[in-house]
Each structure stands twice: as structure tokens, then as C-alpha cells.
Amino acid sequence: MRNRKLWLLTLLTLPVALMLAGCSGGDDPTDPANSGNIITLAPDEAEDFTTSALDMVNGLVDDIPEFASGDFAQYNLAKSNAVATDLGKTLDMEFVKIEDPASREAGKAQSDSIQWNAAQQAYTFAYEGPVFVLEEPNYWNMNLEIWLQYRNAAGDPLQYPVGAVEMEVDYVTGMAMHMEDEQSSATMAYDMSTNLTVAYLGGQEYGLAGQGHTQVMVEEASPQGNQSGVFDMDWTLDLVTATGGCPEGTVQVRAQGYTLNAVYDGQGAVNWTLTGPGYSGSGNEVLACGG
């Protein structure tokens, strides 16, 4: 599970980057037109956000062979907590942290790892708690949920992957943040969901089809005025991957009028094109796979 820390960090940093960048609907918060704007993106911003989403998808895909084999050993709450620490370093931000053993124990009590849920006939993981414990009225909380089910050819749920022909995985992430000082405040709400259906193709090869969506809502208030914005992004994927191999197929990411189309060659290379209002660009990356 090499990329789990990467995709969790991406989930956390994406909405925060939007919040720190401001609402971007206009430069003057006193302009009534900047209230409730759809957040607009410049081409370089669109590239940053869509390729970040691509990195997140790559991390999810990287987990699939181990999930498909029933290997959840490396997925636990400690991983999520380590990511939160890295987040502060990545953003180069300082936080007032309060030692709060009760909240830590409450988080651990929810679920320390992916576990079999007999009532849902699926494996589940749930965490809800602070990313950082801040002085009130500030807060920075997140929730992370995973739901995973194996199914046989008749569509019946299975507790173990033996005899499975299909696996379904749901990821849900949310974040809520509020920061304020004597003169200004900022509030953010972030929701992300992804659904993947995985077909067992034989020989530890898997076909992936899925889609996801994220929305970030930001509100800012200052002596100069108030502004708010909404950011939406969604993605679809159609890939084949294998244990010890590299994905092959396509991923599309759409954000605020921009579309990124990525092609995976099965050897680790990913070539993408980005088109949007009056803009066209391209790029590539090499995945750490196949080893």
C-alpha cells in the first residue's frame, strides 16, 4: 500500500489549498457579485487541482490488488494520524494544538482498522475526529469512511474473497474547518466520495470502473466585506490493473469547465491533456508500479 499516505494527504490538502487561495470569484470582496460565486480557476490552478485528483485516483487504484486479496493489515488509524502531521508540514502552517486524550480515545474506539461488519455484510472503516485540535472557536475536523464488499457470481456478499468475481469499494471523506481572529474569519466544508466496482479477471488481474465527486464550499468574512465560493470536481475511471503490474486504460477529471483526459499505457506511463476555456495543455508522469 505504497501510496496510501499520498492519497490521504491529497484528500486533505486539496480543500485547504482552495481555502488558502481565497474564493477567486473576484478580487474585490465588497463587490456583491463575489457572494456565492462558483470558484473560477486559471489554467495553472486547473492543472494543479486536476492532476492532484489524478494522483488521488492513482493511490486508490494502487490499493486495489491488496484489497481484492483481503489484505487490510496496513490500513489503520495510525496511518491517518500520520498524514495529519504531514499536512501541517506541507502547508507550512502553525497551529495551536491542545492535548486531548479523550478525543484521541474516542477516535480509536470507532474503528482502528478495516473490520468485517456482519450487519452490512461488508468490511468497514470509519474515523471521525480532529485533524488538529485548535483553540475554540476554531476547529478542523475530518471524517473518513470505507465500505468494501466481495460478491460471488450470483451477486451474494462474501466475507472472504475466495470465490469472488466482483468487489465494490466506497470511499467517503469530509472535512470542516473554521479559523478566525479579531478581524476576520474563514469557514470551509468539504465532501468527497468515490465508488469503484472491481471485476476479478483471473491471474490477479482486475478491471476497475468507477466515478467520484468532490465539493468544497468556502466562506470568508473581513472588514473589507464577505465572500463565498463553491468548487466542484468529478472523475471517472476505466482501468485494468494487476498485482505487481501497472494500470492500463483511461481516467477523466472535470473541474470548473476544465477537462483532464489521462491515458495509462500499462507500463507505468500516464499521458494527459487538459482543455478548458481558451486553453489546451498536456503533460505526463511515471507511476511507481510494476516492481
C-alpha atoms as a PDB file:
ATOM      1  CA  MET A   1       0.000   0.000   0.000  1.00  0.00           C
ATOM      2  CA  ARG A   2       2.712   2.382  -1.082  1.00  0.00           C
ATOM      3  CA  ASN A   3       0.574   5.364  -1.998  1.00  0.00           C
ATOM      4  CA  ARG A   4      -1.981   5.419   0.817  1.00  0.00           C
ATOM      5  CA  LYS A   5      -0.214   8.210   2.651  1.00  0.00           C
ATOM      6  CA  LEU A   6      -0.072  10.164  -0.620  1.00  0.00           C
ATOM      7  CA  TRP A   7      -3.771   9.918  -1.455  1.00  0.00           C
ATOM      8  CA  LEU A   8      -4.893  10.672   2.091  1.00  0.00           C
ATOM      9  CA  LEU A   9      -2.630  13.722   2.078  1.00  0.00           C
ATOM     10  CA  THR A  10      -4.125  14.768  -1.260  1.00  0.00           C
ATOM     11  CA  LEU A  11      -7.635  14.497   0.173  1.00  0.00           C
ATOM     12  CA  LEU A  12      -6.641  16.819   2.990  1.00  0.00           C
ATOM     13  CA  THR A  13      -4.539  19.366   1.130  1.00  0.00           C
ATOM     14  CA  LEU A  14      -6.849  19.908  -1.857  1.00  0.00           C
ATOM     15  CA  PRO A  15      -9.676  21.679   0.007  1.00  0.00           C
ATOM     16  CA  VAL A  16      -7.230  23.552   2.227  1.00  0.00           C
ATOM     17  CA  ALA A  17      -5.363  24.847  -0.805  1.00  0.00           C
ATOM     18  CA  LEU A  18      -8.649  26.179  -2.148  1.00  0.00           C
ATOM     19  CA  MET A  19      -9.390  27.859   1.152  1.00  0.00           C
ATOM     20  CA  LEU A  20      -5.964  29.470   1.371  1.00  0.00           C
ATOM     21  CA  ALA A  21      -6.223  30.660  -2.239  1.00  0.00           C
ATOM     22  CA  GLY A  22      -9.439  32.531  -1.434  1.00  0.00           C
ATOM     23  CA  CYS A  23     -12.735  32.383  -3.224  1.00  0.00           C
ATOM     24  CA  SER A  24     -11.277  33.549  -6.541  1.00  0.00           C
ATOM     25  CA  GLY A  25     -14.636  34.685  -7.844  1.00  0.00           C
ATOM     26  CA  GLY A  26     -13.300  38.210  -7.944  1.00  0.00           C
ATOM     27  CA  ASP A  27     -10.582  40.298  -6.357  1.00  0.00           C
ATOM     28  CA  ASP A  28     -12.909  42.709  -4.537  1.00  0.00           C
ATOM     29  CA  PRO A  29     -14.854  41.101  -1.656  1.00  0.00           C
ATOM     30  CA  THR A  30     -17.043  44.220  -1.367  1.00  0.00           C
ATOM     31  CA  ASP A  31     -18.495  43.506  -4.817  1.00  0.00           C
ATOM     32  CA  PRO A  32     -21.907  41.786  -4.346  1.00  0.00           C
ATOM     33  CA  ALA A  33     -21.112  39.659  -7.400  1.00  0.00           C
ATOM     34  CA  ASN A  34     -18.472  37.862  -5.299  1.00  0.00           C
ATOM     35  CA  SER A  35     -21.034  36.364  -2.925  1.00  0.00           C
ATOM     36  CA  GLY A  36     -21.800  32.705  -3.641  1.00  0.00           C
ATOM     37  CA  ASN A  37     -19.547  32.535  -6.689  1.00  0.00           C
ATOM     38  CA  ILE A  38     -18.545  29.389  -8.465  1.00  0.00           C
ATOM     39  CA  ILE A  39     -14.797  29.419  -7.835  1.00  0.00           C
ATOM     40  CA  THR A  40     -13.020  30.140 -11.096  1.00  0.00           C
ATOM     41  CA  LEU A  41      -9.657  28.638 -11.981  1.00  0.00           C
ATOM     42  CA  ALA A  42      -6.771  29.939 -14.016  1.00  0.00           C
ATOM     43  CA  PRO A  43      -5.174  27.289 -16.276  1.00  0.00           C
ATOM     44  CA  ASP A  44      -2.254  26.677 -13.887  1.00  0.00           C
ATOM     45  CA  GLU A  45      -4.686  26.265 -10.974  1.00  0.00           C
ATOM     46  CA  ALA A  46      -6.846  23.908 -13.030  1.00  0.00           C
ATOM     47  CA  GLU A  47      -3.755  21.839 -13.798  1.00  0.00           C
ATOM     48  CA  ASP A  48      -2.763  21.713 -10.131  1.00  0.00           C
ATOM     49  CA  PHE A  49      -6.201  20.585  -8.950  1.00  0.00           C
ATOM     50  CA  THR A  50      -6.970  18.087 -11.714  1.00  0.00           C
ATOM     51  CA  THR A  51      -3.542  16.453 -11.519  1.00  0.00           C
ATOM     52  CA  SER A  52      -3.915  16.302  -7.705  1.00  0.00           C
ATOM     53  CA  ALA A  53      -7.168  14.425  -8.269  1.00  0.00           C
ATOM     54  CA  LEU A  54      -5.320  12.154 -10.689  1.00  0.00           C
ATOM     55  CA  ASP A  55      -2.716  11.437  -8.001  1.00  0.00           C
ATOM     56  CA  MET A  56      -5.507  10.572  -5.590  1.00  0.00           C
ATOM     57  CA  VAL A  57      -7.078   8.174  -8.118  1.00  0.00           C
ATOM     58  CA  ASN A  58      -3.661   6.588  -8.650  1.00  0.00           C
ATOM     59  CA  GLY A  59      -3.382   5.978  -4.915  1.00  0.00           C
ATOM     60  CA  LEU A  60      -6.821   4.375  -4.773  1.00  0.00           C
ATOM     61  CA  VAL A  61      -6.005   2.152  -7.749  1.00  0.00           C
ATOM     62  CA  ASP A  62      -2.713   1.160  -6.161  1.00  0.00           C
ATOM     63  CA  ASP A  63      -4.636  -0.277  -3.190  1.00  0.00           C
ATOM     64  CA  ILE A  64      -6.979  -2.440  -5.270  1.00  0.00           C
ATOM     65  CA  PRO A  65      -4.877  -5.646  -5.622  1.00  0.00           C
ATOM     66  CA  GLU A  66      -4.348  -5.802  -1.862  1.00  0.00           C
ATOM     67  CA  PHE A  67      -7.978  -5.008  -1.114  1.00  0.00           C
ATOM     68  CA  ALA A  68      -9.049  -7.647  -3.649  1.00  0.00           C
ATOM     69  CA  SER A  69      -6.916 -10.259  -1.895  1.00  0.00           C
ATOM     70  CA  GLY A  70      -8.279  -9.331   1.558  1.00  0.00           C
ATOM     71  CA  ASP A  71      -5.079  -7.696   2.788  1.00  0.00           C
ATOM     72  CA  PHE A  72      -6.091  -4.831   5.069  1.00  0.00           C
ATOM     73  CA  ALA A  73      -3.253  -5.180   7.554  1.00  0.00           C
ATOM     74  CA  GLN A  74      -1.552  -1.888   6.722  1.00  0.00           C
ATOM     75  CA  TYR A  75      -4.702   0.237   6.824  1.00  0.00           C
ATOM     76  CA  ASN A  76      -5.271   1.659  10.283  1.00  0.00           C
ATOM     77  CA  LEU A  77      -5.966   4.833  12.175  1.00  0.00           C
ATOM     78  CA  ALA A  78      -2.281   5.439  12.813  1.00  0.00           C
ATOM     79  CA  LYS A  79      -1.819   5.976   9.063  1.00  0.00           C
ATOM     80  CA  SER A  80      -4.486   8.670   9.056  1.00  0.00           C
ATOM     81  CA  ASN A  81      -2.970  10.401  12.072  1.00  0.00           C
ATOM     82  CA  ALA A  82       0.489  10.386  10.484  1.00  0.00           C
ATOM     83  CA  VAL A  83      -0.971  12.061   7.422  1.00  0.00           C
ATOM     84  CA  ALA A  84      -2.397  14.878   9.548  1.00  0.00           C
ATOM     85  CA  THR A  85       1.078  15.587  10.898  1.00  0.00           C
ATOM     86  CA  ASP A  86       2.497  15.695   7.367  1.00  0.00           C
ATOM     87  CA  LEU A  87      -0.283  18.063   6.346  1.00  0.00           C
ATOM     88  CA  GLY A  88       0.897  20.800   8.695  1.00  0.00           C
ATOM     89  CA  LYS A  89       4.433  20.482   7.346  1.00  0.00           C
ATOM     90  CA  THR A  90       3.254  20.521   3.725  1.00  0.00           C
ATOM     91  CA  LEU A  91       1.227  23.708   4.186  1.00  0.00           C
ATOM     92  CA  ASP A  92       3.935  25.315   6.366  1.00  0.00           C
ATOM     93  CA  MET A  93       1.258  26.444   8.820  1.00  0.00           C
ATOM     94  CA  GLU A  94       1.376  26.771  12.591  1.00  0.00           C
ATOM     95  CA  PHE A  95      -1.497  25.528  14.737  1.00  0.00           C
ATOM     96  CA  VAL A  96      -2.335  25.839  18.406  1.00  0.00           C
ATOM     97  CA  LYS A  97      -2.577  22.197  19.382  1.00  0.00           C
ATOM     98  CA  ILE A  98      -4.275  21.087  22.607  1.00  0.00           C
ATOM     99  CA  GLU A  99      -3.556  17.705  24.107  1.00  0.00           C
ATOM    100  CA  ASP A 100      -6.927  15.982  24.230  1.00  0.00           C
ATOM    101  CA  PRO A 101      -6.649  12.307  25.253  1.00  0.00           C
ATOM    102  CA  ALA A 102     -10.445  11.931  25.301  1.00  0.00           C
ATOM    103  CA  SER A 103     -10.847  12.824  21.634  1.00  0.00           C
ATOM    104  CA  ARG A 104      -7.973  10.545  20.657  1.00  0.00           C
ATOM    105  CA  GLU A 105      -9.524   7.625  22.551  1.00  0.00           C
ATOM    106  CA  ALA A 106     -12.942   8.352  21.026  1.00  0.00           C
ATOM    107  CA  GLY A 107     -11.429   8.193  17.557  1.00  0.00           C
ATOM    108  CA  LYS A 108      -9.653   4.929  18.325  1.00  0.00           C
ATOM    109  CA  ALA A 109     -12.849   3.438  19.725  1.00  0.00           C
ATOM    110  CA  GLN A 110     -14.699   3.935  16.442  1.00  0.00           C
ATOM    111  CA  SER A 111     -12.542   1.617  14.359  1.00  0.00           C
ATOM    112  CA  ASP A 112      -8.786   1.192  14.363  1.00  0.00           C
ATOM    113  CA  SER A 113      -8.716  -0.736  11.078  1.00  0.00           C
ATOM    114  CA  ILE A 114     -10.942  -2.183   8.377  1.00  0.00           C
ATOM    115  CA  GLN A 115     -13.173  -4.799  10.015  1.00  0.00           C
ATOM    116  CA  TRP A 116     -15.916  -7.226   8.997  1.00  0.00           C
ATOM    117  CA  ASN A 117     -19.391  -5.794   9.616  1.00  0.00           C
ATOM    118  CA  ALA A 118     -21.859  -8.670   9.788  1.00  0.00           C
ATOM    119  CA  ALA A 119     -24.923  -6.419   9.662  1.00  0.00           C
ATOM    120  CA  GLN A 120     -23.794  -4.804   6.392  1.00  0.00           C
ATOM    121  CA  GLN A 121     -22.140  -7.966   5.029  1.00  0.00           C
ATOM    122  CA  ALA A 122     -19.127  -5.818   4.177  1.00  0.00           C
ATOM    123  CA  TYR A 123     -15.830  -4.583   5.553  1.00  0.00           C
ATOM    124  CA  THR A 124     -15.989  -1.098   7.009  1.00  0.00           C
ATOM    125  CA  PHE A 125     -13.638   1.544   8.343  1.00  0.00           C
ATOM    126  CA  ALA A 126     -14.758   4.773   9.999  1.00  0.00           C
ATOM    127  CA  TYR A 127     -12.934   7.633  11.636  1.00  0.00           C
ATOM    128  CA  GLU A 128     -14.307  10.973  12.782  1.00  0.00           C
ATOM    129  CA  GLY A 129     -12.317  13.473  14.779  1.00  0.00           C
ATOM    130  CA  PRO A 130      -9.963  16.428  14.692  1.00  0.00           C
ATOM    131  CA  VAL A 131      -7.162  16.800  12.184  1.00  0.00           C
ATOM    132  CA  PHE A 132      -5.769  19.330  14.624  1.00  0.00           C
ATOM    133  CA  VAL A 133      -7.308  20.225  17.978  1.00  0.00           C
ATOM    134  CA  LEU A 134      -7.457  24.021  17.977  1.00  0.00           C
ATOM    135  CA  GLU A 135      -8.406  26.672  20.464  1.00  0.00           C
ATOM    136  CA  GLU A 136     -12.141  27.426  20.313  1.00  0.00           C
ATOM    137  CA  PRO A 137     -13.945  28.744  18.354  1.00  0.00           C
ATOM    138  CA  ASN A 138     -11.514  27.397  15.733  1.00  0.00           C
ATOM    139  CA  TYR A 139     -11.869  23.802  14.587  1.00  0.00           C
ATOM    140  CA  TRP A 140     -10.510  21.466  11.926  1.00  0.00           C
ATOM    141  CA  ASN A 141     -12.305  18.125  11.801  1.00  0.00           C
ATOM    142  CA  MET A 142     -12.459  15.300   9.309  1.00  0.00           C
ATOM    143  CA  ASN A 143     -14.227  12.016   8.714  1.00  0.00           C
ATOM    144  CA  LEU A 144     -13.054   9.084   6.634  1.00  0.00           C
ATOM    145  CA  GLU A 145     -15.164   6.029   5.769  1.00  0.00           C
ATOM    146  CA  ILE A 146     -14.521   2.952   3.658  1.00  0.00           C
ATOM    147  CA  TRP A 147     -17.082   0.296   2.752  1.00  0.00           C
ATOM    148  CA  LEU A 148     -15.919  -2.822   0.881  1.00  0.00           C
ATOM    149  CA  GLN A 149     -17.895  -5.873  -0.233  1.00  0.00           C
ATOM    150  CA  TYR A 150     -16.945  -9.057  -2.092  1.00  0.00           C
ATOM    151  CA  ARG A 151     -19.616 -10.757  -4.210  1.00  0.00           C
ATOM    152  CA  ASN A 152     -19.901 -14.096  -5.994  1.00  0.00           C
ATOM    153  CA  ALA A 153     -21.326 -14.734  -9.463  1.00  0.00           C
ATOM    154  CA  ALA A 154     -24.878 -14.698  -8.074  1.00  0.00           C
ATOM    155  CA  GLY A 155     -24.300 -11.263  -6.527  1.00  0.00           C
ATOM    156  CA  ASP A 156     -24.304 -12.629  -2.965  1.00  0.00           C
ATOM    157  CA  PRO A 157     -21.963 -10.969  -0.414  1.00  0.00           C
ATOM    158  CA  LEU A 158     -18.927 -12.933   0.740  1.00  0.00           C
ATOM    159  CA  GLN A 159     -16.865 -12.465   3.870  1.00  0.00           C
ATOM    160  CA  TYR A 160     -13.688 -13.576   2.098  1.00  0.00           C
ATOM    161  CA  PRO A 161     -12.518 -13.041  -1.480  1.00  0.00           C
ATOM    162  CA  VAL A 162     -12.358 -16.785  -2.222  1.00  0.00           C
ATOM    163  CA  GLY A 163     -14.932 -17.334  -4.968  1.00  0.00           C
ATOM    164  CA  ALA A 164     -15.440 -13.608  -5.539  1.00  0.00           C
ATOM    165  CA  VAL A 165     -15.981 -12.324  -9.067  1.00  0.00           C
ATOM    166  CA  GLU A 166     -16.614  -8.715  -8.052  1.00  0.00           C
ATOM    167  CA  MET A 167     -15.658  -6.248  -5.350  1.00  0.00           C
ATOM    168  CA  GLU A 168     -17.252  -2.871  -4.628  1.00  0.00           C
ATOM    169  CA  VAL A 169     -15.478  -0.126  -2.672  1.00  0.00           C
ATOM    170  CA  ASP A 170     -16.925   3.169  -1.432  1.00  0.00           C
ATOM    171  CA  TYR A 171     -14.716   5.932  -0.071  1.00  0.00           C
ATOM    172  CA  VAL A 172     -16.242   8.922   1.730  1.00  0.00           C
ATOM    173  CA  THR A 173     -14.250  11.812   3.139  1.00  0.00           C
ATOM    174  CA  GLY A 174     -15.426  15.018   4.756  1.00  0.00           C
ATOM    175  CA  MET A 175     -13.756  17.974   6.352  1.00  0.00           C
ATOM    176  CA  ALA A 176     -14.971  21.038   8.226  1.00  0.00           C
ATOM    177  CA  MET A 177     -12.750  23.945   9.190  1.00  0.00           C
ATOM    178  CA  HIS A 178     -13.246  27.302  10.854  1.00  0.00           C
ATOM    179  CA  MET A 179     -10.466  29.827  11.551  1.00  0.00           C
ATOM    180  CA  GLU A 180     -10.910  33.302  12.941  1.00  0.00           C
ATOM    181  CA  ASP A 181      -9.114  36.166  14.637  1.00  0.00           C
ATOM    182  CA  GLU A 182     -10.229  39.543  15.928  1.00  0.00           C
ATOM    183  CA  GLN A 183     -10.956  40.911  12.441  1.00  0.00           C
ATOM    184  CA  SER A 184     -11.663  38.090  10.034  1.00  0.00           C
ATOM    185  CA  SER A 185     -12.858  34.515   9.729  1.00  0.00           C
ATOM    186  CA  ALA A 186     -12.887  31.682   7.203  1.00  0.00           C
ATOM    187  CA  THR A 187     -15.076  28.575   7.113  1.00  0.00           C
ATOM    188  CA  MET A 188     -14.795  25.576   4.812  1.00  0.00           C
ATOM    189  CA  ALA A 189     -16.898  22.456   4.226  1.00  0.00           C
ATOM    190  CA  TYR A 190     -15.507  19.658   2.056  1.00  0.00           C
ATOM    191  CA  ASP A 191     -17.127  16.417   0.892  1.00  0.00           C
ATOM    192  CA  MET A 192     -15.652  13.733  -1.352  1.00  0.00           C
ATOM    193  CA  SER A 193     -16.979  10.345  -2.435  1.00  0.00           C
ATOM    194  CA  THR A 194     -15.694   7.689  -4.810  1.00  0.00           C
ATOM    195  CA  ASN A 195     -17.294   4.393  -5.842  1.00  0.00           C
ATOM    196  CA  LEU A 196     -15.290   1.634  -7.531  1.00  0.00           C
ATOM    197  CA  THR A 197     -16.533  -1.653  -8.952  1.00  0.00           C
ATOM    198  CA  VAL A 198     -13.761  -4.177  -9.419  1.00  0.00           C
ATOM    199  CA  ALA A 199     -14.045  -7.276 -11.634  1.00  0.00           C
ATOM    200  CA  TYR A 200     -11.804 -10.283 -10.960  1.00  0.00           C
ATOM    201  CA  LEU A 201     -10.348 -11.088 -14.394  1.00  0.00           C
ATOM    202  CA  GLY A 202      -8.145 -14.009 -13.297  1.00  0.00           C
ATOM    203  CA  GLY A 203      -4.427 -14.258 -12.771  1.00  0.00           C
ATOM    204  CA  GLN A 204      -4.514 -11.473 -10.133  1.00  0.00           C
ATOM    205  CA  GLU A 205      -5.746  -9.049 -12.788  1.00  0.00           C
ATOM    206  CA  TYR A 206      -8.603  -6.647 -12.047  1.00  0.00           C
ATOM    207  CA  GLY A 207     -10.899  -4.434 -14.089  1.00  0.00           C
ATOM    208  CA  LEU A 208     -11.851  -1.131 -12.437  1.00  0.00           C
ATOM    209  CA  ALA A 209     -14.790   1.120 -13.282  1.00  0.00           C
ATOM    210  CA  GLY A 210     -15.855   3.987 -11.093  1.00  0.00           C
ATOM    211  CA  GLN A 211     -16.638   7.609 -10.501  1.00  0.00           C
ATOM    212  CA  GLY A 212     -16.196  10.210  -7.793  1.00  0.00           C
ATOM    213  CA  HIS A 213     -17.091  13.750  -6.871  1.00  0.00           C
ATOM    214  CA  THR A 214     -15.801  16.426  -4.540  1.00  0.00           C
ATOM    215  CA  GLN A 215     -17.254  19.749  -3.464  1.00  0.00           C
ATOM    216  CA  VAL A 216     -15.635  22.497  -1.433  1.00  0.00           C
ATOM    217  CA  MET A 217     -17.624  25.427  -0.052  1.00  0.00           C
ATOM    218  CA  VAL A 218     -15.721  28.392   1.379  1.00  0.00           C
ATOM    219  CA  GLU A 219     -16.935  31.489   3.218  1.00  0.00           C
ATOM    220  CA  GLU A 220     -14.713  34.412   4.230  1.00  0.00           C
ATOM    221  CA  ALA A 221     -15.530  37.498   6.284  1.00  0.00           C
ATOM    222  CA  SER A 222     -13.266  40.503   6.847  1.00  0.00           C
ATOM    223  CA  PRO A 223     -13.541  44.260   7.435  1.00  0.00           C
ATOM    224  CA  GLN A 224     -13.425  44.661   3.650  1.00  0.00           C
ATOM    225  CA  GLY A 225     -16.551  42.555   3.187  1.00  0.00           C
ATOM    226  CA  ASN A 226     -17.764  38.976   2.822  1.00  0.00           C
ATOM    227  CA  GLN A 227     -17.360  36.495   0.014  1.00  0.00           C
ATOM    228  CA  SER A 228     -18.088  32.847  -0.598  1.00  0.00           C
ATOM    229  CA  GLY A 229     -17.382  30.276  -3.266  1.00  0.00           C
ATOM    230  CA  VAL A 230     -18.118  26.730  -4.390  1.00  0.00           C
ATOM    231  CA  PHE A 231     -15.712  24.360  -6.121  1.00  0.00           C
ATOM    232  CA  ASP A 232     -16.862  21.127  -7.811  1.00  0.00           C
ATOM    233  CA  MET A 233     -14.758  18.405  -9.387  1.00  0.00           C
ATOM    234  CA  ASP A 234     -15.625  14.900 -10.553  1.00  0.00           C
ATOM    235  CA  TRP A 235     -13.803  11.994 -12.132  1.00  0.00           C
ATOM    236  CA  THR A 236     -14.450   8.701 -13.924  1.00  0.00           C
ATOM    237  CA  LEU A 237     -12.083   5.808 -14.498  1.00  0.00           C
ATOM    238  CA  ASP A 238     -11.913   2.698 -16.654  1.00  0.00           C
ATOM    239  CA  LEU A 239      -8.720   0.761 -15.916  1.00  0.00           C
ATOM    240  CA  VAL A 240      -7.210  -2.697 -15.728  1.00  0.00           C
ATOM    241  CA  THR A 241      -4.522  -3.351 -13.135  1.00  0.00           C
ATOM    242  CA  ALA A 242      -2.780  -6.373 -11.638  1.00  0.00           C
ATOM    243  CA  THR A 243      -0.782  -7.408  -8.621  1.00  0.00           C
ATOM    244  CA  GLY A 244       2.764  -6.271  -9.286  1.00  0.00           C
ATOM    245  CA  GLY A 245       1.697  -4.539 -12.508  1.00  0.00           C
ATOM    246  CA  CYS A 246       0.768  -1.083 -13.782  1.00  0.00           C
ATOM    247  CA  PRO A 247      -2.695   0.202 -14.703  1.00  0.00           C
ATOM    248  CA  GLU A 248      -3.878   0.467 -18.299  1.00  0.00           C
ATOM    249  CA  GLY A 249      -6.862   2.461 -19.507  1.00  0.00           C
ATOM    250  CA  THR A 250      -8.277   5.957 -19.040  1.00  0.00           C
ATOM    251  CA  VAL A 251      -9.217   8.451 -16.331  1.00  0.00           C
ATOM    252  CA  GLN A 252     -11.108  11.713 -16.851  1.00  0.00           C
ATOM    253  CA  VAL A 253     -11.223  14.579 -14.341  1.00  0.00           C
ATOM    254  CA  ARG A 254     -13.569  17.576 -14.747  1.00  0.00           C
ATOM    255  CA  ALA A 255     -13.288  20.775 -12.705  1.00  0.00           C
ATOM    256  CA  GLN A 256     -14.951  24.165 -13.213  1.00  0.00           C
ATOM    257  CA  GLY A 257     -15.057  23.986 -17.019  1.00  0.00           C
ATOM    258  CA  TYR A 258     -11.730  22.170 -17.444  1.00  0.00           C
ATOM    259  CA  THR A 259     -11.358  18.529 -18.514  1.00  0.00           C
ATOM    260  CA  LEU A 260      -8.276  16.383 -17.999  1.00  0.00           C
ATOM    261  CA  ASN A 261      -8.068  13.148 -20.019  1.00  0.00           C
ATOM    262  CA  ALA A 262      -5.369  10.706 -18.908  1.00  0.00           C
ATOM    263  CA  VAL A 263      -4.224   7.576 -20.765  1.00  0.00           C
ATOM    264  CA  TYR A 264      -2.366   4.807 -18.900  1.00  0.00           C
ATOM    265  CA  ASP A 265      -0.174   2.587 -21.079  1.00  0.00           C
ATOM    266  CA  GLY A 266       0.146  -0.373 -18.690  1.00  0.00           C
ATOM    267  CA  GLN A 267       3.916   0.170 -18.358  1.00  0.00           C
ATOM    268  CA  GLY A 268       3.803   2.985 -15.792  1.00  0.00           C
ATOM    269  CA  ALA A 269       3.476   5.976 -18.128  1.00  0.00           C
ATOM    270  CA  VAL A 270       0.487   8.326 -17.843  1.00  0.00           C
ATOM    271  CA  ASN A 271      -0.051  10.915 -20.588  1.00  0.00           C
ATOM    272  CA  TRP A 272      -2.691  13.589 -20.068  1.00  0.00           C
ATOM    273  CA  THR A 273      -4.253  16.517 -21.869  1.00  0.00           C
ATOM    274  CA  LEU A 274      -6.062  19.411 -20.196  1.00  0.00           C
ATOM    275  CA  THR A 275      -8.575  21.578 -22.041  1.00  0.00           C
ATOM    276  CA  GLY A 276     -10.652  24.478 -20.789  1.00  0.00           C
ATOM    277  CA  PRO A 277     -11.845  27.982 -21.630  1.00  0.00           C
ATOM    278  CA  GLY A 278      -9.415  29.124 -24.295  1.00  0.00           C
ATOM    279  CA  TYR A 279      -6.749  26.723 -23.059  1.00  0.00           C
ATOM    280  CA  SER A 280      -5.122  23.451 -24.065  1.00  0.00           C
ATOM    281  CA  GLY A 281      -2.150  21.792 -22.379  1.00  0.00           C
ATOM    282  CA  SER A 282      -0.576  18.382 -21.847  1.00  0.00           C
ATOM    283  CA  GLY A 283       1.819  16.533 -19.587  1.00  0.00           C
ATOM    284  CA  ASN A 284       2.886  13.131 -18.324  1.00  0.00           C
ATOM    285  CA  GLU A 285       4.063  11.265 -15.281  1.00  0.00           C
ATOM    286  CA  VAL A 286       5.592   7.911 -14.457  1.00  0.00           C
ATOM    287  CA  LEU A 287       3.982   5.727 -11.798  1.00  0.00           C
ATOM    288  CA  ALA A 288       5.952   3.759  -9.220  1.00  0.00           C
ATOM    289  CA  CYS A 289       4.467   0.420 -10.229  1.00  0.00           C
ATOM    290  CA  GLY A 290       5.442  -2.885 -11.739  1.00  0.00           C
ATOM    291  CA  GLY A 291       8.150  -3.519  -9.195  1.00  0.00           C
END
